[in-house]
Every structure is written in structure tokens, then in C-alpha cells.
Amino acid sequence: MTEQLSVKDWLDQGLKTLARRGFTALKAEPLAKAMGVSRGSFYWHFADIGAYRAAVLTHWREVAAEQVIAELETIPEGGDALALLLRRAFSARLALERAVRSWATADAVARAAVLEVDQRRIGYIETLLRQAGFDDDVARGRAQIFYWAFIGYALSEQALPKPRQQAAIDELLRMAKR
């Protein structure tokens, strides 16, 4: 690689590595080798591996929650953001989600990041349900159920046949209608 790498380049590589090989693979030397540069490039951007891992978690929060929500917020009024969110969530490749959650079982900083993303996602789903006309208690309960369904799906490595997956999504969408 002949051009200078940016912080984002390193963080994107971190997410790819995390999804493929887990959090224990987030080390300067193997990352630099995978990117075709010296470790000096890594240390130009990050003080140490701890700072890098913290930055990877921040980047994951941005990609896994904030960017998704920002995209949904661009849907014109009358569009069904919750239906789009559910379809997207239940059709996504979720290796990164599993990897971050696995990391969270062994690391307090990762655990805090996962809890923050969980709260942000559930809060956003709750907001969408309130906008659809549900009372606060119903919106809160259904948001939690939708999220539990997503987490169960994300952590399950057994793929469902498409018709069964679609039936489950359709049932969740029925729960989202008043």
C-alpha cells in the first residue's frame, strides 16, 4: 500500500478482522501485515492497542447504531422505518455483531459499548413505535421483544430457510401495526 492510511482505514480493518477472527486478533503486527504496512503506521494513529480497541468499539457503535438510525431518519414521512429496520436487521450478515458480543463477555469496555448500543437501538425502536401510535408502555414492551428477537437471531448460527425467516419477519411486522 503506497498511500498513507487514515484512522478510518485502521478502524475499518479492525471491524473486518473482528468479524472474521475475533477480538484477540486485534493486534498491531498482524493488522499492519494484513494492510501491507509497518507497525509504525499503526502507532502513528494510536498510542497503544488499548486505545485502538477503544476506537474500534466507538467505530462499531457508529456503524452499528448511529449510521443505521441516520439512514432511517431520511425516509420520507409516511414511509415505514420500522418495517425497513426489521427487514434489514433480519437479513444482515451478523458476524460482527456476534464478535462484539463475544468480546463483551471477556472485556468490561466492550461490555459497556454493547450495553450502550443496545439501549440506543431499543430506544430508537421505542420511538418508532410511539410514532406509530402505541402508548408508552406498549411501545417499550414491544421494542424490547423486537430487540430480543434480533439478539436471538444474531447469536444463532443456524440459518433459517427463507420462507421461515420471512414468516418470522411478517409476524414481527404484525406486532408493529396498531
N, C-alpha and C. Protein backbone atom coordinates (compact mmCIF):
# COMPACT_ATOMS: atom_id res chain seq x y z
N MET A 1 0.85 -1.17 0.00
CA MET A 1 0.00 0.00 0.00
C MET A 1 0.90 1.23 0.00
N THR A 2 0.73 2.11 -0.97
CA THR A 2 1.64 3.24 -1.11
C THR A 2 1.08 4.53 -0.52
N GLU A 3 -0.23 4.66 -0.36
CA GLU A 3 -0.76 5.89 0.21
C GLU A 3 -0.86 5.76 1.73
N GLN A 4 -0.85 6.90 2.40
CA GLN A 4 -0.89 6.89 3.86
C GLN A 4 -2.28 6.45 4.33
N LEU A 5 -2.28 5.58 5.32
CA LEU A 5 -3.54 5.10 5.87
C LEU A 5 -4.12 6.10 6.86
N SER A 6 -5.43 6.20 6.87
CA SER A 6 -6.12 7.08 7.81
C SER A 6 -6.56 6.28 9.03
N VAL A 7 -6.99 6.98 10.05
CA VAL A 7 -7.56 6.33 11.23
C VAL A 7 -8.72 5.45 10.80
N LYS A 8 -9.57 5.96 9.91
CA LYS A 8 -10.73 5.19 9.44
C LYS A 8 -10.30 3.90 8.75
N ASP A 9 -9.23 3.95 7.97
CA ASP A 9 -8.72 2.73 7.33
C ASP A 9 -8.40 1.67 8.40
N TRP A 10 -7.73 2.10 9.45
CA TRP A 10 -7.36 1.17 10.52
C TRP A 10 -8.60 0.65 11.24
N LEU A 11 -9.57 1.53 11.47
CA LEU A 11 -10.78 1.11 12.18
C LEU A 11 -11.62 0.17 11.32
N ASP A 12 -11.72 0.46 10.04
CA ASP A 12 -12.45 -0.44 9.14
C ASP A 12 -11.79 -1.82 9.10
N GLN A 13 -10.46 -1.83 9.06
CA GLN A 13 -9.74 -3.10 9.09
C GLN A 13 -9.99 -3.81 10.42
N GLY A 14 -10.06 -3.05 11.48
CA GLY A 14 -10.35 -3.64 12.79
C GLY A 14 -11.71 -4.32 12.82
N LEU A 15 -12.72 -3.68 12.24
CA LEU A 15 -14.05 -4.30 12.21
C LEU A 15 -14.05 -5.57 11.36
N LYS A 16 -13.35 -5.53 10.23
CA LYS A 16 -13.26 -6.72 9.37
C LYS A 16 -12.55 -7.86 10.11
N THR A 17 -11.45 -7.53 10.76
CA THR A 17 -10.68 -8.53 11.50
C THR A 17 -11.50 -9.08 12.66
N LEU A 18 -12.17 -8.21 13.36
CA LEU A 18 -13.01 -8.62 14.48
C LEU A 18 -14.09 -9.59 14.01
N ALA A 19 -14.75 -9.27 12.91
CA ALA A 19 -15.83 -10.14 12.40
C ALA A 19 -15.29 -11.50 11.95
N ARG A 20 -14.11 -11.51 11.37
CA ARG A 20 -13.55 -12.76 10.83
C ARG A 20 -12.84 -13.61 11.88
N ARG A 21 -12.10 -12.93 12.78
CA ARG A 21 -11.19 -13.69 13.64
C ARG A 21 -11.35 -13.42 15.14
N GLY A 22 -12.23 -12.51 15.50
CA GLY A 22 -12.47 -12.23 16.91
C GLY A 22 -11.56 -11.15 17.49
N PHE A 23 -11.88 -10.74 18.70
CA PHE A 23 -11.18 -9.61 19.31
C PHE A 23 -9.73 -9.90 19.64
N THR A 24 -9.38 -11.16 19.83
CA THR A 24 -7.98 -11.47 20.15
C THR A 24 -7.06 -11.22 18.95
N ALA A 25 -7.63 -11.06 17.77
CA ALA A 25 -6.82 -10.79 16.58
C ALA A 25 -6.54 -9.29 16.40
N LEU A 26 -7.08 -8.47 17.28
CA LEU A 26 -6.85 -7.03 17.17
C LEU A 26 -5.51 -6.67 17.80
N LYS A 27 -4.45 -6.93 17.04
CA LYS A 27 -3.07 -6.68 17.47
C LYS A 27 -2.35 -5.93 16.36
N ALA A 28 -1.45 -5.05 16.74
CA ALA A 28 -0.78 -4.15 15.80
C ALA A 28 -0.07 -4.89 14.67
N GLU A 29 0.77 -5.86 15.01
CA GLU A 29 1.59 -6.53 13.99
C GLU A 29 0.75 -7.24 12.93
N PRO A 30 -0.20 -8.12 13.31
CA PRO A 30 -0.99 -8.80 12.27
C PRO A 30 -1.88 -7.84 11.47
N LEU A 31 -2.39 -6.80 12.13
CA LEU A 31 -3.20 -5.82 11.40
C LEU A 31 -2.35 -5.09 10.37
N ALA A 32 -1.16 -4.66 10.79
CA ALA A 32 -0.26 -3.95 9.87
C ALA A 32 0.11 -4.85 8.69
N LYS A 33 0.41 -6.09 8.99
CA LYS A 33 0.77 -7.04 7.93
C LYS A 33 -0.39 -7.21 6.94
N ALA A 34 -1.60 -7.36 7.47
CA ALA A 34 -2.78 -7.52 6.60
C ALA A 34 -2.99 -6.30 5.71
N MET A 35 -2.58 -5.13 6.21
CA MET A 35 -2.77 -3.89 5.45
C MET A 35 -1.55 -3.54 4.61
N GLY A 36 -0.50 -4.33 4.72
CA GLY A 36 0.69 -4.11 3.90
C GLY A 36 1.52 -2.92 4.32
N VAL A 37 1.54 -2.64 5.63
CA VAL A 37 2.32 -1.51 6.15
C VAL A 37 3.09 -1.96 7.39
N SER A 38 3.93 -1.07 7.89
CA SER A 38 4.67 -1.37 9.11
C SER A 38 3.82 -1.03 10.34
N ARG A 39 4.25 -1.53 11.48
CA ARG A 39 3.57 -1.19 12.74
C ARG A 39 3.65 0.31 13.02
N GLY A 40 4.65 0.96 12.47
CA GLY A 40 4.79 2.40 12.68
C GLY A 40 3.54 3.16 12.26
N SER A 41 2.92 2.70 11.19
CA SER A 41 1.68 3.34 10.73
C SER A 41 0.59 3.21 11.80
N PHE A 42 0.53 2.04 12.42
CA PHE A 42 -0.44 1.83 13.49
C PHE A 42 -0.18 2.82 14.62
N TYR A 43 1.08 2.88 15.07
CA TYR A 43 1.42 3.72 16.22
C TYR A 43 1.42 5.22 15.88
N TRP A 44 1.39 5.54 14.62
CA TRP A 44 1.23 6.94 14.22
C TRP A 44 -0.16 7.43 14.64
N HIS A 45 -1.16 6.52 14.55
CA HIS A 45 -2.55 6.89 14.83
C HIS A 45 -3.03 6.53 16.23
N PHE A 46 -2.43 5.52 16.85
CA PHE A 46 -2.92 5.02 18.13
C PHE A 46 -1.76 4.88 19.11
N ALA A 47 -1.99 5.31 20.34
CA ALA A 47 -0.95 5.25 21.37
C ALA A 47 -0.56 3.82 21.71
N ASP A 48 -1.54 2.95 21.74
CA ASP A 48 -1.30 1.55 22.08
C ASP A 48 -2.49 0.72 21.64
N ILE A 49 -2.44 -0.57 21.88
CA ILE A 49 -3.51 -1.46 21.43
C ILE A 49 -4.81 -1.18 22.19
N GLY A 50 -4.70 -0.77 23.45
CA GLY A 50 -5.89 -0.42 24.23
C GLY A 50 -6.64 0.75 23.61
N ALA A 51 -5.88 1.78 23.20
CA ALA A 51 -6.51 2.94 22.54
C ALA A 51 -7.15 2.52 21.22
N TYR A 52 -6.47 1.65 20.50
CA TYR A 52 -7.02 1.15 19.23
C TYR A 52 -8.32 0.38 19.46
N ARG A 53 -8.32 -0.51 20.41
CA ARG A 53 -9.52 -1.32 20.67
C ARG A 53 -10.68 -0.42 21.10
N ALA A 54 -10.40 0.58 21.92
CA ALA A 54 -11.45 1.53 22.32
C ALA A 54 -12.00 2.26 21.09
N ALA A 55 -11.11 2.64 20.19
CA ALA A 55 -11.53 3.33 18.96
C ALA A 55 -12.34 2.40 18.06
N VAL A 56 -11.98 1.13 18.00
CA VAL A 56 -12.74 0.15 17.22
C VAL A 56 -14.16 0.04 17.77
N LEU A 57 -14.29 0.01 19.09
CA LEU A 57 -15.62 -0.07 19.69
C LEU A 57 -16.44 1.18 19.39
N THR A 58 -15.81 2.34 19.44
CA THR A 58 -16.51 3.58 19.09
C THR A 58 -16.95 3.55 17.63
N HIS A 59 -16.09 3.07 16.77
CA HIS A 59 -16.41 2.95 15.34
C HIS A 59 -17.57 1.96 15.14
N TRP A 60 -17.55 0.86 15.87
CA TRP A 60 -18.65 -0.11 15.78
C TRP A 60 -19.96 0.53 16.20
N ARG A 61 -19.95 1.29 17.29
CA ARG A 61 -21.18 1.99 17.73
C ARG A 61 -21.71 2.87 16.62
N GLU A 62 -20.81 3.59 15.96
CA GLU A 62 -21.21 4.49 14.88
C GLU A 62 -21.83 3.70 13.72
N VAL A 63 -21.17 2.63 13.32
CA VAL A 63 -21.62 1.83 12.18
C VAL A 63 -22.88 1.04 12.52
N ALA A 64 -22.92 0.45 13.70
CA ALA A 64 -23.98 -0.49 14.06
C ALA A 64 -25.25 0.19 14.57
N ALA A 65 -25.15 1.43 15.00
CA ALA A 65 -26.33 2.11 15.52
C ALA A 65 -26.55 3.46 14.86
N GLU A 66 -25.61 4.36 15.01
CA GLU A 66 -25.85 5.74 14.57
C GLU A 66 -26.06 5.87 13.06
N GLN A 67 -25.25 5.19 12.26
CA GLN A 67 -25.43 5.28 10.81
C GLN A 67 -26.74 4.65 10.37
N VAL A 68 -27.12 3.55 10.99
CA VAL A 68 -28.38 2.89 10.66
C VAL A 68 -29.54 3.82 10.98
N ILE A 69 -29.53 4.41 12.16
CA ILE A 69 -30.60 5.32 12.57
C ILE A 69 -30.63 6.54 11.66
N ALA A 70 -29.48 7.10 11.34
CA ALA A 70 -29.43 8.26 10.45
C ALA A 70 -30.03 7.94 9.08
N GLU A 71 -29.74 6.76 8.56
CA GLU A 71 -30.34 6.36 7.28
C GLU A 71 -31.85 6.25 7.39
N LEU A 72 -32.33 5.66 8.47
CA LEU A 72 -33.77 5.51 8.65
C LEU A 72 -34.47 6.86 8.81
N GLU A 73 -33.77 7.82 9.38
CA GLU A 73 -34.34 9.15 9.57
C GLU A 73 -34.54 9.89 8.24
N THR A 74 -33.92 9.41 7.18
CA THR A 74 -34.09 10.07 5.87
C THR A 74 -35.30 9.55 5.11
N ILE A 75 -35.98 8.55 5.65
CA ILE A 75 -37.17 8.02 4.99
C ILE A 75 -38.25 9.09 5.02
N PRO A 76 -38.88 9.36 3.88
CA PRO A 76 -39.92 10.39 3.85
C PRO A 76 -41.08 10.05 4.79
N GLU A 77 -41.76 11.09 5.25
CA GLU A 77 -42.92 10.89 6.12
C GLU A 77 -43.91 9.96 5.44
N GLY A 78 -44.45 9.06 6.21
CA GLY A 78 -45.36 8.07 5.65
C GLY A 78 -44.66 6.77 5.30
N GLY A 79 -43.33 6.81 5.23
CA GLY A 79 -42.57 5.58 4.99
C GLY A 79 -42.53 4.76 6.27
N ASP A 80 -42.32 3.48 6.14
CA ASP A 80 -42.34 2.60 7.30
C ASP A 80 -40.91 2.25 7.73
N ALA A 81 -40.34 3.14 8.55
CA ALA A 81 -38.96 2.96 9.00
C ALA A 81 -38.80 1.69 9.82
N LEU A 82 -39.80 1.34 10.63
CA LEU A 82 -39.68 0.14 11.45
C LEU A 82 -39.66 -1.11 10.59
N ALA A 83 -40.50 -1.16 9.57
CA ALA A 83 -40.50 -2.32 8.66
C ALA A 83 -39.15 -2.43 7.96
N LEU A 84 -38.62 -1.31 7.51
CA LEU A 84 -37.31 -1.33 6.85
C LEU A 84 -36.23 -1.79 7.82
N LEU A 85 -36.27 -1.29 9.05
CA LEU A 85 -35.29 -1.67 10.06
C LEU A 85 -35.36 -3.18 10.34
N LEU A 86 -36.56 -3.71 10.52
CA LEU A 86 -36.71 -5.14 10.81
C LEU A 86 -36.21 -5.99 9.64
N ARG A 87 -36.60 -5.62 8.44
CA ARG A 87 -36.14 -6.38 7.27
C ARG A 87 -34.62 -6.34 7.15
N ARG A 88 -34.06 -5.17 7.37
CA ARG A 88 -32.61 -5.02 7.28
C ARG A 88 -31.90 -5.83 8.37
N ALA A 89 -32.40 -5.72 9.59
CA ALA A 89 -31.75 -6.40 10.72
C ALA A 89 -31.79 -7.92 10.56
N PHE A 90 -32.89 -8.42 10.05
CA PHE A 90 -33.05 -9.87 9.95
C PHE A 90 -32.55 -10.44 8.62
N SER A 91 -31.95 -9.60 7.81
CA SER A 91 -31.35 -10.11 6.58
C SER A 91 -29.85 -9.82 6.53
N ALA A 92 -29.34 -9.15 7.56
CA ALA A 92 -27.93 -8.75 7.59
C ALA A 92 -27.02 -9.93 7.92
N ARG A 93 -25.78 -9.81 7.50
CA ARG A 93 -24.73 -10.72 7.97
C ARG A 93 -24.32 -10.23 9.34
N LEU A 94 -24.32 -11.11 10.28
CA LEU A 94 -24.18 -10.68 11.67
C LEU A 94 -22.92 -11.19 12.36
N ALA A 95 -21.90 -11.52 11.60
CA ALA A 95 -20.65 -11.98 12.20
C ALA A 95 -20.04 -10.91 13.10
N LEU A 96 -20.12 -9.66 12.69
CA LEU A 96 -19.56 -8.58 13.51
C LEU A 96 -20.35 -8.44 14.81
N GLU A 97 -21.66 -8.52 14.73
CA GLU A 97 -22.49 -8.44 15.93
C GLU A 97 -22.11 -9.55 16.91
N ARG A 98 -21.98 -10.77 16.42
CA ARG A 98 -21.59 -11.90 17.28
C ARG A 98 -20.20 -11.67 17.87
N ALA A 99 -19.28 -11.18 17.06
CA ALA A 99 -17.90 -10.98 17.52
C ALA A 99 -17.83 -9.93 18.63
N VAL A 100 -18.55 -8.83 18.48
CA VAL A 100 -18.52 -7.78 19.51
C VAL A 100 -19.16 -8.30 20.79
N ARG A 101 -20.24 -9.04 20.66
CA ARG A 101 -20.91 -9.59 21.85
C ARG A 101 -20.03 -10.64 22.53
N SER A 102 -19.30 -11.40 21.76
CA SER A 102 -18.35 -12.35 22.35
C SER A 102 -17.26 -11.59 23.11
N TRP A 103 -16.74 -10.55 22.51
CA TRP A 103 -15.74 -9.70 23.15
C TRP A 103 -16.28 -9.17 24.47
N ALA A 104 -17.55 -8.78 24.47
CA ALA A 104 -18.15 -8.19 25.67
C ALA A 104 -18.23 -9.16 26.83
N THR A 105 -18.17 -10.44 26.56
CA THR A 105 -18.20 -11.42 27.66
C THR A 105 -16.87 -11.47 28.40
N ALA A 106 -15.82 -10.93 27.78
CA ALA A 106 -14.48 -11.01 28.37
C ALA A 106 -13.87 -9.65 28.71
N ASP A 107 -14.55 -8.56 28.36
CA ASP A 107 -13.92 -7.24 28.48
C ASP A 107 -14.97 -6.21 28.91
N ALA A 108 -14.70 -5.50 29.99
CA ALA A 108 -15.65 -4.52 30.53
C ALA A 108 -15.90 -3.36 29.58
N VAL A 109 -14.88 -2.91 28.87
CA VAL A 109 -15.05 -1.79 27.94
C VAL A 109 -15.96 -2.21 26.78
N ALA A 110 -15.75 -3.40 26.26
CA ALA A 110 -16.61 -3.91 25.19
C ALA A 110 -18.03 -4.11 25.71
N ARG A 111 -18.17 -4.61 26.92
CA ARG A 111 -19.49 -4.82 27.53
C ARG A 111 -20.23 -3.49 27.63
N ALA A 112 -19.54 -2.44 28.05
CA ALA A 112 -20.18 -1.12 28.16
C ALA A 112 -20.61 -0.62 26.78
N ALA A 113 -19.79 -0.86 25.77
CA ALA A 113 -20.15 -0.45 24.40
C ALA A 113 -21.39 -1.19 23.92
N VAL A 114 -21.46 -2.48 24.17
CA VAL A 114 -22.63 -3.27 23.76
C VAL A 114 -23.88 -2.78 24.48
N LEU A 115 -23.78 -2.53 25.78
CA LEU A 115 -24.94 -2.03 26.53
C LEU A 115 -25.41 -0.69 25.99
N GLU A 116 -24.46 0.17 25.65
CA GLU A 116 -24.80 1.48 25.10
C GLU A 116 -25.53 1.33 23.76
N VAL A 117 -25.03 0.46 22.90
CA VAL A 117 -25.67 0.24 21.60
C VAL A 117 -27.04 -0.40 21.80
N ASP A 118 -27.14 -1.36 22.69
CA ASP A 118 -28.44 -1.98 22.96
C ASP A 118 -29.46 -0.93 23.39
N GLN A 119 -29.09 -0.07 24.33
CA GLN A 119 -30.00 0.97 24.80
C GLN A 119 -30.39 1.93 23.69
N ARG A 120 -29.42 2.29 22.86
CA ARG A 120 -29.69 3.21 21.76
C ARG A 120 -30.66 2.59 20.76
N ARG A 121 -30.42 1.34 20.41
CA ARG A 121 -31.29 0.66 19.45
C ARG A 121 -32.70 0.48 20.00
N ILE A 122 -32.80 -0.01 21.24
CA ILE A 122 -34.12 -0.21 21.83
C ILE A 122 -34.87 1.12 21.94
N GLY A 123 -34.17 2.16 22.36
CA GLY A 123 -34.79 3.49 22.44
C GLY A 123 -35.31 3.97 21.09
N TYR A 124 -34.55 3.70 20.05
CA TYR A 124 -34.98 4.13 18.71
C TYR A 124 -36.21 3.33 18.27
N ILE A 125 -36.21 2.03 18.50
CA ILE A 125 -37.37 1.22 18.14
C ILE A 125 -38.60 1.70 18.92
N GLU A 126 -38.40 1.99 20.18
CA GLU A 126 -39.49 2.51 21.01
C GLU A 126 -40.04 3.81 20.42
N THR A 127 -39.16 4.69 19.99
CA THR A 127 -39.58 5.94 19.36
C THR A 127 -40.41 5.68 18.11
N LEU A 128 -39.96 4.75 17.27
CA LEU A 128 -40.72 4.42 16.06
C LEU A 128 -42.10 3.89 16.40
N LEU A 129 -42.19 3.07 17.44
CA LEU A 129 -43.49 2.52 17.84
C LEU A 129 -44.40 3.61 18.40
N ARG A 130 -43.84 4.54 19.15
CA ARG A 130 -44.64 5.68 19.64
C ARG A 130 -45.16 6.51 18.47
N GLN A 131 -44.28 6.73 17.48
CA GLN A 131 -44.69 7.49 16.30
C GLN A 131 -45.80 6.77 15.54
N ALA A 132 -45.84 5.44 15.66
CA ALA A 132 -46.89 4.65 15.00
C ALA A 132 -48.19 4.65 15.81
N GLY A 133 -48.16 5.30 16.99
CA GLY A 133 -49.38 5.45 17.77
C GLY A 133 -49.51 4.57 18.99
N PHE A 134 -48.48 3.83 19.34
CA PHE A 134 -48.55 2.97 20.52
C PHE A 134 -48.33 3.79 21.78
N ASP A 135 -49.02 3.42 22.86
CA ASP A 135 -48.80 4.03 24.16
C ASP A 135 -47.38 3.71 24.62
N ASP A 136 -46.88 4.51 25.56
CA ASP A 136 -45.51 4.35 26.03
C ASP A 136 -45.20 2.94 26.52
N ASP A 137 -46.08 2.39 27.36
CA ASP A 137 -45.82 1.05 27.91
C ASP A 137 -45.80 -0.02 26.83
N VAL A 138 -46.72 0.06 25.89
CA VAL A 138 -46.78 -0.92 24.80
C VAL A 138 -45.56 -0.76 23.90
N ALA A 139 -45.20 0.49 23.59
CA ALA A 139 -44.02 0.75 22.75
C ALA A 139 -42.77 0.20 23.42
N ARG A 140 -42.62 0.43 24.71
CA ARG A 140 -41.45 -0.04 25.45
C ARG A 140 -41.39 -1.57 25.44
N GLY A 141 -42.52 -2.22 25.72
CA GLY A 141 -42.56 -3.68 25.74
C GLY A 141 -42.28 -4.30 24.38
N ARG A 142 -42.89 -3.77 23.36
CA ARG A 142 -42.68 -4.33 22.02
C ARG A 142 -41.27 -4.05 21.51
N ALA A 143 -40.73 -2.89 21.83
CA ALA A 143 -39.35 -2.60 21.43
C ALA A 143 -38.41 -3.63 22.04
N GLN A 144 -38.64 -3.97 23.30
CA GLN A 144 -37.81 -4.97 23.96
C GLN A 144 -37.97 -6.33 23.30
N ILE A 145 -39.20 -6.72 22.97
CA ILE A 145 -39.46 -8.01 22.32
C ILE A 145 -38.78 -8.06 20.96
N PHE A 146 -38.90 -7.00 20.17
CA PHE A 146 -38.25 -6.96 18.86
C PHE A 146 -36.74 -7.11 19.01
N TYR A 147 -36.20 -6.42 20.01
CA TYR A 147 -34.76 -6.47 20.19
C TYR A 147 -34.30 -7.84 20.67
N TRP A 148 -35.04 -8.45 21.57
CA TRP A 148 -34.71 -9.80 21.99
C TRP A 148 -34.74 -10.75 20.79
N ALA A 149 -35.73 -10.58 19.94
CA ALA A 149 -35.81 -11.43 18.74
C ALA A 149 -34.57 -11.22 17.87
N PHE A 150 -34.16 -9.97 17.70
CA PHE A 150 -32.96 -9.68 16.90
C PHE A 150 -31.72 -10.32 17.53
N ILE A 151 -31.55 -10.16 18.83
CA ILE A 151 -30.36 -10.72 19.51
C ILE A 151 -30.36 -12.23 19.38
N GLY A 152 -31.49 -12.86 19.56
CA GLY A 152 -31.57 -14.31 19.39
C GLY A 152 -31.18 -14.71 17.99
N TYR A 153 -31.67 -13.98 17.01
CA TYR A 153 -31.33 -14.25 15.61
C TYR A 153 -29.83 -14.03 15.37
N ALA A 154 -29.32 -12.91 15.89
CA ALA A 154 -27.91 -12.56 15.67
C ALA A 154 -26.97 -13.60 16.26
N LEU A 155 -27.33 -14.14 17.41
CA LEU A 155 -26.45 -15.09 18.09
C LEU A 155 -26.64 -16.53 17.61
N SER A 156 -27.70 -16.76 16.89
CA SER A 156 -27.94 -18.10 16.35
C SER A 156 -27.15 -18.27 15.07
N GLU A 157 -26.36 -19.28 15.02
CA GLU A 157 -25.58 -19.51 13.80
C GLU A 157 -26.29 -20.48 12.86
N GLN A 158 -27.48 -20.90 13.24
CA GLN A 158 -28.26 -21.80 12.40
C GLN A 158 -29.16 -20.95 11.51
N ALA A 159 -28.92 -20.99 10.23
CA ALA A 159 -29.70 -20.20 9.29
C ALA A 159 -31.09 -20.82 9.12
N LEU A 160 -32.07 -19.95 9.03
CA LEU A 160 -33.43 -20.40 8.75
C LEU A 160 -33.65 -20.44 7.25
N PRO A 161 -34.46 -21.39 6.79
CA PRO A 161 -34.85 -21.33 5.38
C PRO A 161 -35.58 -20.01 5.13
N LYS A 162 -35.42 -19.45 3.96
CA LYS A 162 -36.00 -18.13 3.65
C LYS A 162 -37.49 -18.03 3.98
N PRO A 163 -38.32 -19.05 3.65
CA PRO A 163 -39.75 -18.92 3.98
C PRO A 163 -40.01 -18.79 5.49
N ARG A 164 -39.27 -19.54 6.30
CA ARG A 164 -39.45 -19.44 7.76
C ARG A 164 -38.95 -18.09 8.28
N GLN A 165 -37.85 -17.63 7.71
CA GLN A 165 -37.33 -16.32 8.11
C GLN A 165 -38.34 -15.24 7.75
N GLN A 166 -38.89 -15.29 6.56
CA GLN A 166 -39.88 -14.30 6.13
C GLN A 166 -41.14 -14.36 7.00
N ALA A 167 -41.57 -15.56 7.38
CA ALA A 167 -42.74 -15.70 8.24
C ALA A 167 -42.49 -15.04 9.60
N ALA A 168 -41.30 -15.19 10.13
CA ALA A 168 -40.96 -14.56 11.42
C ALA A 168 -40.96 -13.05 11.28
N ILE A 169 -40.38 -12.54 10.21
CA ILE A 169 -40.37 -11.09 9.98
C ILE A 169 -41.79 -10.57 9.83
N ASP A 170 -42.62 -11.29 9.08
CA ASP A 170 -44.02 -10.88 8.89
C ASP A 170 -44.75 -10.81 10.23
N GLU A 171 -44.48 -11.79 11.11
CA GLU A 171 -45.13 -11.78 12.43
C GLU A 171 -44.67 -10.58 13.26
N LEU A 172 -43.39 -10.27 13.22
CA LEU A 172 -42.90 -9.08 13.92
C LEU A 172 -43.55 -7.83 13.35
N LEU A 173 -43.69 -7.76 12.04
CA LEU A 173 -44.31 -6.59 11.42
C LEU A 173 -45.78 -6.46 11.83
N ARG A 174 -46.47 -7.60 12.02
CA ARG A 174 -47.86 -7.54 12.51
C ARG A 174 -47.91 -6.92 13.90
N MET A 175 -46.91 -7.24 14.72
CA MET A 175 -46.84 -6.67 16.06
C MET A 175 -46.58 -5.16 16.03
N ALA A 176 -46.05 -4.69 14.91
CA ALA A 176 -45.72 -3.27 14.79
C ALA A 176 -46.89 -2.45 14.27
N LYS A 177 -47.98 -3.11 13.94
CA LYS A 177 -49.16 -2.40 13.42
C LYS A 177 -50.17 -2.21 14.55
N ARG A 178 -50.84 -1.12 14.50
CA ARG A 178 -51.89 -0.84 15.51
C ARG A 178 -53.18 -1.48 15.10
